């Protein structure tokens, strides 16, 4: 039996979209569809958190492997704090971009810009 196909959509309260489960005709050989509707604010928080954590990991990795050319601290604790501070700017830009895109409904008006 194939796994169900899960799709996540950004849905606003006025869109009338709700999460659901659809049984696909064709029996056990065809996967069913699961649609999960998420609010724009939840999507923004998830995306921002992901970018922040990826940035922290990238900065710490670069500092630990010596790619810093002596610019980052030698202690791990200080390096981690600096990476967290530097990642805040990346996360802020991501949050701003997503606020403009999702809350401004630009994702619906100009879907070609998402590519």
PDB file of N, CA and C in Angstrom:
ATOM      1  N   UNK A   1       0.850  -1.190   0.000  1.00  0.00           N
ATOM      2  CA  UNK A   1       0.000   0.000   0.000  1.00  0.00           C
ATOM      3  C   UNK A   1       0.886   1.239   0.000  1.00  0.00           C
ATOM      4  N   UNK A   2       0.677   2.148  -0.946  1.00  0.00           N
ATOM      5  CA  UNK A   2       1.504   3.354  -1.005  1.00  0.00           C
ATOM      6  C   UNK A   2       1.191   4.304   0.151  1.00  0.00           C
ATOM      7  N   UNK A   3       2.173   5.115   0.478  1.00  0.00           N
ATOM      8  CA  UNK A   3       1.983   6.114   1.530  1.00  0.00           C
ATOM      9  C   UNK A   3       1.036   7.209   1.050  1.00  0.00           C
ATOM     10  N   UNK A   4       0.327   7.798   2.000  1.00  0.00           N
ATOM     11  CA  UNK A   4      -0.555   8.913   1.670  1.00  0.00           C
ATOM     12  C   UNK A   4       0.283  10.113   1.255  1.00  0.00           C
ATOM     13  N   UNK A   5      -0.271  10.940   0.394  1.00  0.00           N
ATOM     14  CA  UNK A   5       0.404  12.148  -0.069  1.00  0.00           C
ATOM     15  C   UNK A   5      -0.089  13.306   0.783  1.00  0.00           C
ATOM     16  N   UNK A   6       0.844  14.023   1.408  1.00  0.00           N
ATOM     17  CA  UNK A   6       0.482  15.141   2.272  1.00  0.00           C
ATOM     18  C   UNK A   6       0.860  16.445   1.579  1.00  0.00           C
ATOM     19  N   UNK A   7      -0.055  17.383   1.584  1.00  0.00           N
ATOM     20  CA  UNK A   7       0.165  18.696   0.996  1.00  0.00           C
ATOM     21  C   UNK A   7      -0.180  19.757   2.031  1.00  0.00           C
ATOM     22  N   UNK A   8       0.664  20.760   2.134  1.00  0.00           N
ATOM     23  CA  UNK A   8       0.438  21.849   3.079  1.00  0.00           C
ATOM     24  C   UNK A   8       0.122  23.104   2.279  1.00  0.00           C
ATOM     25  N   UNK A   9      -0.964  23.779   2.639  1.00  0.00           N
ATOM     26  CA  UNK A   9      -1.352  25.015   1.976  1.00  0.00           C
ATOM     27  C   UNK A   9      -1.431  26.130   3.011  1.00  0.00           C
ATOM     28  N   UNK A  10      -1.151  27.338   2.560  1.00  0.00           N
ATOM     29  CA  UNK A  10      -1.309  28.511   3.412  1.00  0.00           C
ATOM     30  C   UNK A  10      -2.736  28.993   3.224  1.00  0.00           C
ATOM     31  N   UNK A  11      -3.499  29.016   4.300  1.00  0.00           N
ATOM     32  CA  UNK A  11      -4.914  29.377   4.206  1.00  0.00           C
ATOM     33  C   UNK A  11      -5.246  30.467   5.209  1.00  0.00           C
ATOM     34  N   UNK A  12      -5.890  31.485   4.725  1.00  0.00           N
ATOM     35  CA  UNK A  12      -6.356  32.559   5.588  1.00  0.00           C
ATOM     36  C   UNK A  12      -7.756  32.228   6.074  1.00  0.00           C
ATOM     37  N   UNK A  13      -8.189  32.863   7.131  1.00  0.00           N
ATOM     38  CA  UNK A  13      -9.508  32.577   7.702  1.00  0.00           C
ATOM     39  C   UNK A  13     -10.627  32.850   6.708  1.00  0.00           C
ATOM     40  N   UNK A  14     -10.455  33.862   5.851  1.00  0.00           N
ATOM     41  CA  UNK A  14     -11.508  34.217   4.898  1.00  0.00           C
ATOM     42  C   UNK A  14     -11.481  33.375   3.618  1.00  0.00           C
ATOM     43  N   UNK A  15     -10.508  32.483   3.475  1.00  0.00           N
ATOM     44  CA  UNK A  15     -10.413  31.641   2.277  1.00  0.00           C
ATOM     45  C   UNK A  15     -11.378  30.465   2.305  1.00  0.00           C
ATOM     46  N   UNK A  16     -11.794  30.043   3.473  1.00  0.00           N
ATOM     47  CA  UNK A  16     -12.698  28.908   3.586  1.00  0.00           C
ATOM     48  C   UNK A  16     -12.024  27.568   3.359  1.00  0.00           C
ATOM     49  N   UNK A  17     -10.697  27.517   3.445  1.00  0.00           N
ATOM     50  CA  UNK A  17      -9.958  26.274   3.253  1.00  0.00           C
ATOM     51  C   UNK A  17      -9.729  25.637   4.617  1.00  0.00           C
ATOM     52  N   UNK A  18      -9.980  24.337   4.694  1.00  0.00           N
ATOM     53  CA  UNK A  18      -9.772  23.619   5.950  1.00  0.00           C
ATOM     54  C   UNK A  18      -8.934  22.377   5.682  1.00  0.00           C
ATOM     55  N   UNK A  19      -8.313  21.872   6.730  1.00  0.00           N
ATOM     56  CA  UNK A  19      -7.556  20.634   6.613  1.00  0.00           C
ATOM     57  C   UNK A  19      -8.517  19.494   6.315  1.00  0.00           C
ATOM     58  N   UNK A  20      -8.017  18.494   5.607  1.00  0.00           N
ATOM     59  CA  UNK A  20      -8.896  17.389   5.288  1.00  0.00           C
ATOM     60  C   UNK A  20      -8.153  16.169   4.788  1.00  0.00           C
ATOM     61  N   UNK A  21      -8.900  15.100   4.627  1.00  0.00           N
ATOM     62  CA  UNK A  21      -8.378  13.821   4.170  1.00  0.00           C
ATOM     63  C   UNK A  21      -9.275  13.350   3.032  1.00  0.00           C
ATOM     64  N   UNK A  22      -8.684  13.037   1.900  1.00  0.00           N
ATOM     65  CA  UNK A  22      -9.475  12.590   0.748  1.00  0.00           C
ATOM     66  C   UNK A  22      -9.057  11.186   0.356  1.00  0.00           C
ATOM     67  N   UNK A  23     -10.021  10.304   0.291  1.00  0.00           N
ATOM     68  CA  UNK A  23      -9.766   8.945  -0.156  1.00  0.00           C
ATOM     69  C   UNK A  23      -9.808   8.926  -1.673  1.00  0.00           C
ATOM     70  N   UNK A  24      -8.719   8.517  -2.268  1.00  0.00           N
ATOM     71  CA  UNK A  24      -8.600   8.508  -3.714  1.00  0.00           C
ATOM     72  C   UNK A  24      -9.213   7.231  -4.289  1.00  0.00           C
ATOM     73  N   UNK A  25     -10.014   7.347  -5.343  1.00  0.00           N
ATOM     74  CA  UNK A  25     -10.565   6.133  -5.960  1.00  0.00           C
ATOM     75  C   UNK A  25      -9.431   5.284  -6.542  1.00  0.00           C
ATOM     76  N   UNK A  26      -9.615   4.015  -6.541  1.00  0.00           N
ATOM     77  CA  UNK A  26      -8.607   3.131  -7.104  1.00  0.00           C
ATOM     78  C   UNK A  26      -8.154   2.071  -6.129  1.00  0.00           C
ATOM     79  N   UNK A  27      -8.689   2.102  -4.947  1.00  0.00           N
ATOM     80  CA  UNK A  27      -8.377   1.063  -3.981  1.00  0.00           C
ATOM     81  C   UNK A  27      -7.049   1.256  -3.286  1.00  0.00           C
ATOM     82  N   UNK A  28      -6.479   0.147  -2.858  1.00  0.00           N
ATOM     83  CA  UNK A  28      -5.266   0.180  -2.042  1.00  0.00           C
ATOM     84  C   UNK A  28      -4.025   0.555  -2.828  1.00  0.00           C
ATOM     85  N   UNK A  29      -4.074   0.510  -4.153  1.00  0.00           N
ATOM     86  CA  UNK A  29      -2.889   0.818  -4.952  1.00  0.00           C
ATOM     87  C   UNK A  29      -2.688   2.313  -5.176  1.00  0.00           C
ATOM     88  N   UNK A  30      -3.675   3.122  -4.842  1.00  0.00           N
ATOM     89  CA  UNK A  30      -3.599   4.563  -5.051  1.00  0.00           C
ATOM     90  C   UNK A  30      -3.482   5.271  -3.708  1.00  0.00           C
ATOM     91  N   UNK A  31      -2.508   6.181  -3.566  1.00  0.00           N
ATOM     92  CA  UNK A  31      -2.366   6.885  -2.284  1.00  0.00           C
ATOM     93  C   UNK A  31      -3.510   7.873  -2.050  1.00  0.00           C
ATOM     94  N   UNK A  32      -3.862   8.050  -0.804  1.00  0.00           N
ATOM     95  CA  UNK A  32      -4.873   9.035  -0.431  1.00  0.00           C
ATOM     96  C   UNK A  32      -4.216  10.392  -0.253  1.00  0.00           C
ATOM     97  N   UNK A  33      -5.009  11.447  -0.234  1.00  0.00           N
ATOM     98  CA  UNK A  33      -4.499  12.808  -0.119  1.00  0.00           C
ATOM     99  C   UNK A  33      -4.837  13.391   1.243  1.00  0.00           C
ATOM    100  N   UNK A  34      -3.852  14.013   1.857  1.00  0.00           N
ATOM    101  CA  UNK A  34      -4.046  14.715   3.115  1.00  0.00           C
ATOM    102  C   UNK A  34      -3.665  16.175   2.878  1.00  0.00           C
ATOM    103  N   UNK A  35      -4.589  17.081   3.127  1.00  0.00           N
ATOM    104  CA  UNK A  35      -4.322  18.515   2.976  1.00  0.00           C
ATOM    105  C   UNK A  35      -4.349  19.142   4.360  1.00  0.00           C
ATOM    106  N   UNK A  36      -3.261  19.826   4.693  1.00  0.00           N
ATOM    107  CA  UNK A  36      -3.181  20.497   5.978  1.00  0.00           C
ATOM    108  C   UNK A  36      -3.105  22.003   5.733  1.00  0.00           C
ATOM    109  N   UNK A  37      -4.093  22.718   6.222  1.00  0.00           N
ATOM    110  CA  UNK A  37      -4.146  24.170   6.047  1.00  0.00           C
ATOM    111  C   UNK A  37      -3.473  24.839   7.244  1.00  0.00           C
ATOM    112  N   UNK A  38      -2.490  25.680   6.962  1.00  0.00           N
ATOM    113  CA  UNK A  38      -1.774  26.405   8.006  1.00  0.00           C
ATOM    114  C   UNK A  38      -2.005  27.899   7.834  1.00  0.00           C
ATOM    115  N   UNK A  39      -2.061  28.611   8.950  1.00  0.00           N
ATOM    116  CA  UNK A  39      -2.233  30.060   8.882  1.00  0.00           C
ATOM    117  C   UNK A  39      -0.931  30.705   8.415  1.00  0.00           C
ATOM    118  N   UNK A  40      -1.014  31.878   7.795  1.00  0.00           N
ATOM    119  CA  UNK A  40       0.195  32.560   7.337  1.00  0.00           C
ATOM    120  C   UNK A  40       1.188  32.838   8.476  1.00  0.00           C
ATOM    121  N   UNK A  41       0.694  33.203   9.651  1.00  0.00           N
ATOM    122  CA  UNK A  41       1.610  33.487  10.760  1.00  0.00           C
ATOM    123  C   UNK A  41       2.369  32.239  11.193  1.00  0.00           C
ATOM    124  N   UNK A  42       1.705  31.093  11.175  1.00  0.00           N
ATOM    125  CA  UNK A  42       2.387  29.850  11.540  1.00  0.00           C
ATOM    126  C   UNK A  42       3.461  29.509  10.508  1.00  0.00           C
ATOM    127  N   UNK A  43       3.160  29.704   9.232  1.00  0.00           N
ATOM    128  CA  UNK A  43       4.133  29.439   8.176  1.00  0.00           C
ATOM    129  C   UNK A  43       5.334  30.377   8.321  1.00  0.00           C
ATOM    130  N   UNK A  44       5.074  31.638   8.617  1.00  0.00           N
ATOM    131  CA  UNK A  44       6.153  32.610   8.785  1.00  0.00           C
ATOM    132  C   UNK A  44       7.048  32.213   9.955  1.00  0.00           C
ATOM    133  N   UNK A  45       6.457  31.804  11.064  1.00  0.00           N
ATOM    134  CA  UNK A  45       7.248  31.397  12.235  1.00  0.00           C
ATOM    135  C   UNK A  45       8.085  30.152  11.930  1.00  0.00           C
ATOM    136  N   UNK A  46       7.512  29.192  11.224  1.00  0.00           N
ATOM    137  CA  UNK A  46       8.250  27.979  10.875  1.00  0.00           C
ATOM    138  C   UNK A  46       9.425  28.307   9.960  1.00  0.00           C
ATOM    139  N   UNK A  47       9.177  29.099   8.939  1.00  0.00           N
ATOM    140  CA  UNK A  47      10.249  29.449   7.997  1.00  0.00           C
ATOM    141  C   UNK A  47      11.346  30.260   8.672  1.00  0.00           C
ATOM    142  N   UNK A  48      10.952  31.226   9.499  1.00  0.00           N
ATOM    143  CA  UNK A  48      11.933  32.063  10.187  1.00  0.00           C
ATOM    144  C   UNK A  48      12.772  31.239  11.154  1.00  0.00           C
ATOM    145  N   UNK A  49      12.145  30.354  11.888  1.00  0.00           N
ATOM    146  CA  UNK A  49      12.877  29.495  12.832  1.00  0.00           C
ATOM    147  C   UNK A  49      13.858  28.595  12.101  1.00  0.00           C
ATOM    148  N   UNK A  50      13.429  28.033  10.978  1.00  0.00           N
ATOM    149  CA  UNK A  50      14.308  27.159  10.207  1.00  0.00           C
ATOM    150  C   UNK A  50      15.532  27.915   9.706  1.00  0.00           C
ATOM    151  N   UNK A  51      15.338  29.115   9.167  1.00  0.00           N
ATOM    152  CA  UNK A  51      16.458  29.901   8.655  1.00  0.00           C
ATOM    153  C   UNK A  51      17.387  30.305   9.796  1.00  0.00           C
ATOM    154  N   UNK A  52      16.828  30.664  10.947  1.00  0.00           N
ATOM    155  CA  UNK A  52      17.652  31.049  12.091  1.00  0.00           C
ATOM    156  C   UNK A  52      18.541  29.882  12.535  1.00  0.00           C
ATOM    157  N   UNK A  53      17.946  28.712  12.697  1.00  0.00           N
ATOM    158  CA  UNK A  53      18.720  27.552  13.153  1.00  0.00           C
ATOM    159  C   UNK A  53      19.759  27.126  12.120  1.00  0.00           C
ATOM    160  N   UNK A  54      19.422  27.189  10.844  1.00  0.00           N
ATOM    161  CA  UNK A  54      20.395  26.857   9.805  1.00  0.00           C
ATOM    162  C   UNK A  54      21.556  27.851   9.808  1.00  0.00           C
ATOM    163  N   UNK A  55      21.260  29.116  10.032  1.00  0.00           N
ATOM    164  CA  UNK A  55      22.312  30.133  10.067  1.00  0.00           C
ATOM    165  C   UNK A  55      23.233  29.933  11.261  1.00  0.00           C
ATOM    166  N   UNK A  56      22.644  29.648  12.424  1.00  0.00           N
ATOM    167  CA  UNK A  56      23.470  29.393  13.614  1.00  0.00           C
ATOM    168  C   UNK A  56      24.406  28.228  13.345  1.00  0.00           C
ATOM    169  N   UNK A  57      23.879  27.149  12.822  1.00  0.00           N
ATOM    170  CA  UNK A  57      24.698  25.979  12.532  1.00  0.00           C
ATOM    171  C   UNK A  57      25.795  26.298  11.523  1.00  0.00           C
ATOM    172  N   UNK A  58      25.465  27.057  10.509  1.00  0.00           N
ATOM    173  CA  UNK A  58      26.468  27.431   9.509  1.00  0.00           C
ATOM    174  C   UNK A  58      27.574  28.288  10.084  1.00  0.00           C
ATOM    175  N   UNK A  59      27.224  29.283  10.888  1.00  0.00           N
ATOM    176  CA  UNK A  59      28.239  30.146  11.484  1.00  0.00           C
ATOM    177  C   UNK A  59      29.117  29.393  12.475  1.00  0.00           C
ATOM    178  N   UNK A  60      28.520  28.537  13.278  1.00  0.00           N
ATOM    179  CA  UNK A  60      29.299  27.737  14.236  1.00  0.00           C
ATOM    180  C   UNK A  60      30.218  26.780  13.481  1.00  0.00           C
ATOM    181  N   UNK A  61      29.704  26.144  12.443  1.00  0.00           N
ATOM    182  CA  UNK A  61      30.530  25.214  11.661  1.00  0.00           C
ATOM    183  C   UNK A  61      31.707  25.936  11.017  1.00  0.00           C
ATOM    184  N   UNK A  62      31.451  27.103  10.454  1.00  0.00           N
ATOM    185  CA  UNK A  62      32.534  27.867   9.830  1.00  0.00           C
ATOM    186  C   UNK A  62      33.572  28.281  10.866  1.00  0.00           C
ATOM    187  N   UNK A  63      33.111  28.688  12.047  1.00  0.00           N
ATOM    188  CA  UNK A  63      34.038  29.092  13.095  1.00  0.00           C
ATOM    189  C   UNK A  63      34.859  27.938  13.640  1.00  0.00           C
ATOM    190  N   UNK A  64      34.260  26.761  13.733  1.00  0.00           N
ATOM    191  CA  UNK A  64      34.956  25.599  14.277  1.00  0.00           C
ATOM    192  C   UNK A  64      35.950  24.997  13.286  1.00  0.00           C
ATOM    193  N   UNK A  65      35.723  25.195  11.993  1.00  0.00           N
ATOM    194  CA  UNK A  65      36.612  24.597  11.003  1.00  0.00           C
ATOM    195  C   UNK A  65      37.731  25.527  10.572  1.00  0.00           C
ATOM    196  N   UNK A  66      37.762  26.733  11.088  1.00  0.00           N
ATOM    197  CA  UNK A  66      38.869  27.631  10.776  1.00  0.00           C
ATOM    198  C   UNK A  66      38.646  28.526   9.589  1.00  0.00           C
ATOM    199  N   UNK A  67      37.449  28.568   9.049  1.00  0.00           N
ATOM    200  CA  UNK A  67      37.176  29.443   7.909  1.00  0.00           C
ATOM    201  C   UNK A  67      37.004  30.902   8.318  1.00  0.00           C
ATOM    202  N   UNK A  68      37.113  31.159   9.594  1.00  0.00           N
ATOM    203  CA  UNK A  68      36.886  32.520  10.079  1.00  0.00           C
ATOM    204  C   UNK A  68      38.100  33.416   9.898  1.00  0.00           C
ATOM    205  N   UNK A  69      39.250  32.882   9.543  1.00  0.00           N
ATOM    206  CA  UNK A  69      40.485  33.652   9.351  1.00  0.00           C
ATOM    207  C   UNK A  69      40.821  34.477  10.585  1.00  0.00           C
ATOM    208  N   UNK A  70      40.524  33.935  11.747  1.00  0.00           N
ATOM    209  CA  UNK A  70      40.872  34.614  12.985  1.00  0.00           C
ATOM    210  C   UNK A  70      39.903  35.696  13.412  1.00  0.00           C
ATOM    211  N   UNK A  71      38.758  35.806  12.760  1.00  0.00           N
ATOM    212  CA  UNK A  71      37.814  36.864  13.096  1.00  0.00           C
ATOM    213  C   UNK A  71      36.847  36.461  14.209  1.00  0.00           C
ATOM    214  N   UNK A  72      36.580  35.170  14.354  1.00  0.00           N
ATOM    215  CA  UNK A  72      35.635  34.716  15.358  1.00  0.00           C
ATOM    216  C   UNK A  72      36.369  34.267  16.614  1.00  0.00           C
ATOM    217  N   UNK A  73      35.722  34.280  17.755  1.00  0.00           N
ATOM    218  CA  UNK A  73      36.357  33.878  19.010  1.00  0.00           C
ATOM    219  C   UNK A  73      36.798  32.418  18.990  1.00  0.00           C
ATOM    220  N   UNK A  74      37.812  32.101  19.796  1.00  0.00           N
ATOM    221  CA  UNK A  74      38.330  30.735  19.866  1.00  0.00           C
ATOM    222  C   UNK A  74      37.529  29.851  20.805  1.00  0.00           C
ATOM    223  N   UNK A  75      36.830  30.414  21.750  1.00  0.00           N
ATOM    224  CA  UNK A  75      36.030  29.620  22.672  1.00  0.00           C
ATOM    225  C   UNK A  75      34.691  29.279  22.041  1.00  0.00           C
ATOM    226  N   UNK A  76      34.227  28.035  22.286  1.00  0.00           N
ATOM    227  CA  UNK A  76      32.970  27.611  21.683  1.00  0.00           C
ATOM    228  C   UNK A  76      31.791  28.434  22.189  1.00  0.00           C
ATOM    229  N   UNK A  77      31.753  28.729  23.483  1.00  0.00           N
ATOM    230  CA  UNK A  77      30.640  29.491  24.045  1.00  0.00           C
ATOM    231  C   UNK A  77      30.519  30.859  23.403  1.00  0.00           C
ATOM    232  N   UNK A  78      31.631  31.550  23.282  1.00  0.00           N
ATOM    233  CA  UNK A  78      31.624  32.871  22.661  1.00  0.00           C
ATOM    234  C   UNK A  78      31.278  32.771  21.178  1.00  0.00           C
ATOM    235  N   UNK A  79      31.781  31.717  20.535  1.00  0.00           N
ATOM    236  CA  UNK A  79      31.464  31.494  19.126  1.00  0.00           C
ATOM    237  C   UNK A  79      29.966  31.255  18.931  1.00  0.00           C
ATOM    238  N   UNK A  80      29.378  30.466  19.807  1.00  0.00           N
ATOM    239  CA  UNK A  80      27.948  30.163  19.711  1.00  0.00           C
ATOM    240  C   UNK A  80      27.101  31.420  19.926  1.00  0.00           C
ATOM    241  N   UNK A  81      27.466  32.238  20.912  1.00  0.00           N
ATOM    242  CA  UNK A  81      26.728  33.485  21.174  1.00  0.00           C
ATOM    243  C   UNK A  81      26.828  34.421  19.973  1.00  0.00           C
ATOM    244  N   UNK A  82      28.015  34.528  19.403  1.00  0.00           N
ATOM    245  CA  UNK A  82      28.203  35.383  18.231  1.00  0.00           C
ATOM    246  C   UNK A  82      27.392  34.859  17.041  1.00  0.00           C
ATOM    247  N   UNK A  83      27.374  33.544  16.860  1.00  0.00           N
ATOM    248  CA  UNK A  83      26.594  32.956  15.768  1.00  0.00           C
ATOM    249  C   UNK A  83      25.109  33.236  15.956  1.00  0.00           C
ATOM    250  N   UNK A  84      24.631  33.156  17.198  1.00  0.00           N
ATOM    251  CA  UNK A  84      23.215  33.449  17.466  1.00  0.00           C
ATOM    252  C   UNK A  84      22.888  34.901  17.144  1.00  0.00           C
ATOM    253  N   UNK A  85      23.787  35.801  17.504  1.00  0.00           N
ATOM    254  CA  UNK A  85      23.560  37.222  17.226  1.00  0.00           C
ATOM    255  C   UNK A  85      23.574  37.498  15.721  1.00  0.00           C
ATOM    256  N   UNK A  86      24.517  36.894  15.016  1.00  0.00           N
ATOM    257  CA  UNK A  86      24.614  37.119  13.575  1.00  0.00           C
ATOM    258  C   UNK A  86      23.416  36.515  12.837  1.00  0.00           C
ATOM    259  N   UNK A  87      22.892  35.431  13.340  1.00  0.00           N
ATOM    260  CA  UNK A  87      21.761  34.766  12.697  1.00  0.00           C
ATOM    261  C   UNK A  87      20.463  35.539  12.873  1.00  0.00           C
ATOM    262  N   UNK A  88      20.389  36.380  13.865  1.00  0.00           N
ATOM    263  CA  UNK A  88      19.173  37.159  14.093  1.00  0.00           C
ATOM    264  C   UNK A  88      18.864  38.062  12.895  1.00  0.00           C
ATOM    265  N   UNK A  89      19.888  38.622  12.276  1.00  0.00           N
ATOM    266  CA  UNK A  89      19.665  39.485  11.110  1.00  0.00           C
ATOM    267  C   UNK A  89      19.107  38.683   9.937  1.00  0.00           C
ATOM    268  N   UNK A  90      19.638  37.494   9.727  1.00  0.00           N
ATOM    269  CA  UNK A  90      19.150  36.631   8.650  1.00  0.00           C
ATOM    270  C   UNK A  90      17.689  36.255   8.882  1.00  0.00           C
ATOM    271  N   UNK A  91      17.365  35.914  10.114  1.00  0.00           N
ATOM    272  CA  UNK A  91      15.986  35.543  10.445  1.00  0.00           C
ATOM    273  C   UNK A  91      15.046  36.737  10.293  1.00  0.00           C
ATOM    274  N   UNK A  92      15.509  37.930  10.643  1.00  0.00           N
ATOM    275  CA  UNK A  92      14.670  39.120  10.519  1.00  0.00           C
ATOM    276  C   UNK A  92      14.346  39.417   9.058  1.00  0.00           C
ATOM    277  N   UNK A  93      15.327  39.273   8.192  1.00  0.00           N
ATOM    278  CA  UNK A  93      15.091  39.491   6.764  1.00  0.00           C
ATOM    279  C   UNK A  93      14.116  38.443   6.223  1.00  0.00           C
ATOM    280  N   UNK A  94      14.266  37.196   6.656  1.00  0.00           N
ATOM    281  CA  UNK A  94      13.354  36.135   6.233  1.00  0.00           C
ATOM    282  C   UNK A  94      11.934  36.424   6.697  1.00  0.00           C
ATOM    283  N   UNK A  95      11.785  36.841   7.948  1.00  0.00           N
ATOM    284  CA  UNK A  95      10.451  37.153   8.474  1.00  0.00           C
ATOM    285  C   UNK A  95       9.817  38.302   7.692  1.00  0.00           C
ATOM    286  N   UNK A  96      10.587  39.336   7.419  1.00  0.00           N
ATOM    287  CA  UNK A  96      10.079  40.481   6.661  1.00  0.00           C
ATOM    288  C   UNK A  96       9.630  40.062   5.261  1.00  0.00           C
ATOM    289  N   UNK A  97      10.453  39.274   4.587  1.00  0.00           N
ATOM    290  CA  UNK A  97      10.101  38.813   3.245  1.00  0.00           C
ATOM    291  C   UNK A  97       8.811  37.997   3.274  1.00  0.00           C
ATOM    292  N   UNK A  98       8.684  37.109   4.244  1.00  0.00           N
ATOM    293  CA  UNK A  98       7.498  36.263   4.323  1.00  0.00           C
ATOM    294  C   UNK A  98       6.261  37.055   4.731  1.00  0.00           C
ATOM    295  N   UNK A  99       6.408  38.048   5.616  1.00  0.00           N
ATOM    296  CA  UNK A  99       5.278  38.911   5.957  1.00  0.00           C
ATOM    297  C   UNK A  99       4.767  39.623   4.706  1.00  0.00           C
ATOM    298  N   UNK A 100       5.675  40.177   3.927  1.00  0.00           N
ATOM    299  CA  UNK A 100       5.273  40.885   2.717  1.00  0.00           C
ATOM    300  C   UNK A 100       4.624  39.937   1.708  1.00  0.00           C
ATOM    301  N   UNK A 101       5.197  38.755   1.572  1.00  0.00           N
ATOM    302  CA  UNK A 101       4.694  37.807   0.577  1.00  0.00           C
ATOM    303  C   UNK A 101       3.356  37.198   0.978  1.00  0.00           C
ATOM    304  N   UNK A 102       3.261  36.677   2.203  1.00  0.00           N
ATOM    305  CA  UNK A 102       2.064  35.949   2.608  1.00  0.00           C
ATOM    306  C   UNK A 102       0.934  36.865   3.071  1.00  0.00           C
ATOM    307  N   UNK A 103       1.245  37.842   3.904  1.00  0.00           N
ATOM    308  CA  UNK A 103       0.184  38.712   4.392  1.00  0.00           C
ATOM    309  C   UNK A 103      -0.249  39.729   3.340  1.00  0.00           C
ATOM    310  N   UNK A 104       0.645  40.038   2.410  1.00  0.00           N
ATOM    311  CA  UNK A 104       0.283  40.921   1.305  1.00  0.00           C
ATOM    312  C   UNK A 104      -0.376  40.178   0.163  1.00  0.00           C
ATOM    313  N   UNK A 105      -0.526  38.863   0.326  1.00  0.00           N
ATOM    314  CA  UNK A 105      -1.136  37.980  -0.677  1.00  0.00           C
ATOM    315  C   UNK A 105      -0.423  38.039  -2.021  1.00  0.00           C
ATOM    316  N   UNK A 106       0.877  38.358  -1.988  1.00  0.00           N
ATOM    317  CA  UNK A 106       1.642  38.376  -3.229  1.00  0.00           C
ATOM    318  C   UNK A 106       1.827  36.976  -3.786  1.00  0.00           C
ATOM    319  N   UNK A 107       1.785  35.966  -2.891  1.00  0.00           N
ATOM    320  CA  UNK A 107       1.916  34.584  -3.349  1.00  0.00           C
ATOM    321  C   UNK A 107       0.733  34.165  -4.212  1.00  0.00           C
ATOM    322  N   UNK A 108      -0.405  34.788  -4.015  1.00  0.00           N
ATOM    323  CA  UNK A 108      -1.590  34.472  -4.829  1.00  0.00           C
ATOM    324  C   UNK A 108      -1.642  35.335  -6.082  1.00  0.00           C
ATOM    325  N   UNK A 109      -1.267  36.604  -5.977  1.00  0.00           N
ATOM    326  CA  UNK A 109      -1.356  37.514  -7.115  1.00  0.00           C
ATOM    327  C   UNK A 109      -0.275  37.239  -8.154  1.00  0.00           C
ATOM    328  N   UNK A 110       0.949  36.895  -7.695  1.00  0.00           N
ATOM    329  CA  UNK A 110       2.075  36.676  -8.586  1.00  0.00           C
ATOM    330  C   UNK A 110       2.775  35.366  -8.249  1.00  0.00           C
ATOM    331  N   UNK A 111       2.163  34.234  -8.543  1.00  0.00           N
ATOM    332  CA  UNK A 111       2.775  32.955  -8.170  1.00  0.00           C
ATOM    333  C   UNK A 111       4.098  32.686  -8.901  1.00  0.00           C
ATOM    334  N   UNK A 112       4.314  33.340 -10.020  1.00  0.00           N
ATOM    335  CA  UNK A 112       5.568  33.115 -10.759  1.00  0.00           C
ATOM    336  C   UNK A 112       6.782  33.678 -10.023  1.00  0.00           C
ATOM    337  N   UNK A 113       6.576  34.593  -9.085  1.00  0.00           N
ATOM    338  CA  UNK A 113       7.689  35.160  -8.327  1.00  0.00           C
ATOM    339  C   UNK A 113       8.214  34.199  -7.260  1.00  0.00           C
ATOM    340  N   UNK A 114       7.474  33.150  -6.947  1.00  0.00           N
ATOM    341  CA  UNK A 114       7.898  32.192  -5.928  1.00  0.00           C
ATOM    342  C   UNK A 114       8.967  31.246  -6.444  1.00  0.00           C
ATOM    343  N   UNK A 115       9.106  31.124  -7.752  1.00  0.00           N
ATOM    344  CA  UNK A 115      10.047  30.144  -8.321  1.00  0.00           C
ATOM    345  C   UNK A 115      11.476  30.530  -8.077  1.00  0.00           C
TER     346      UNK A 115
END
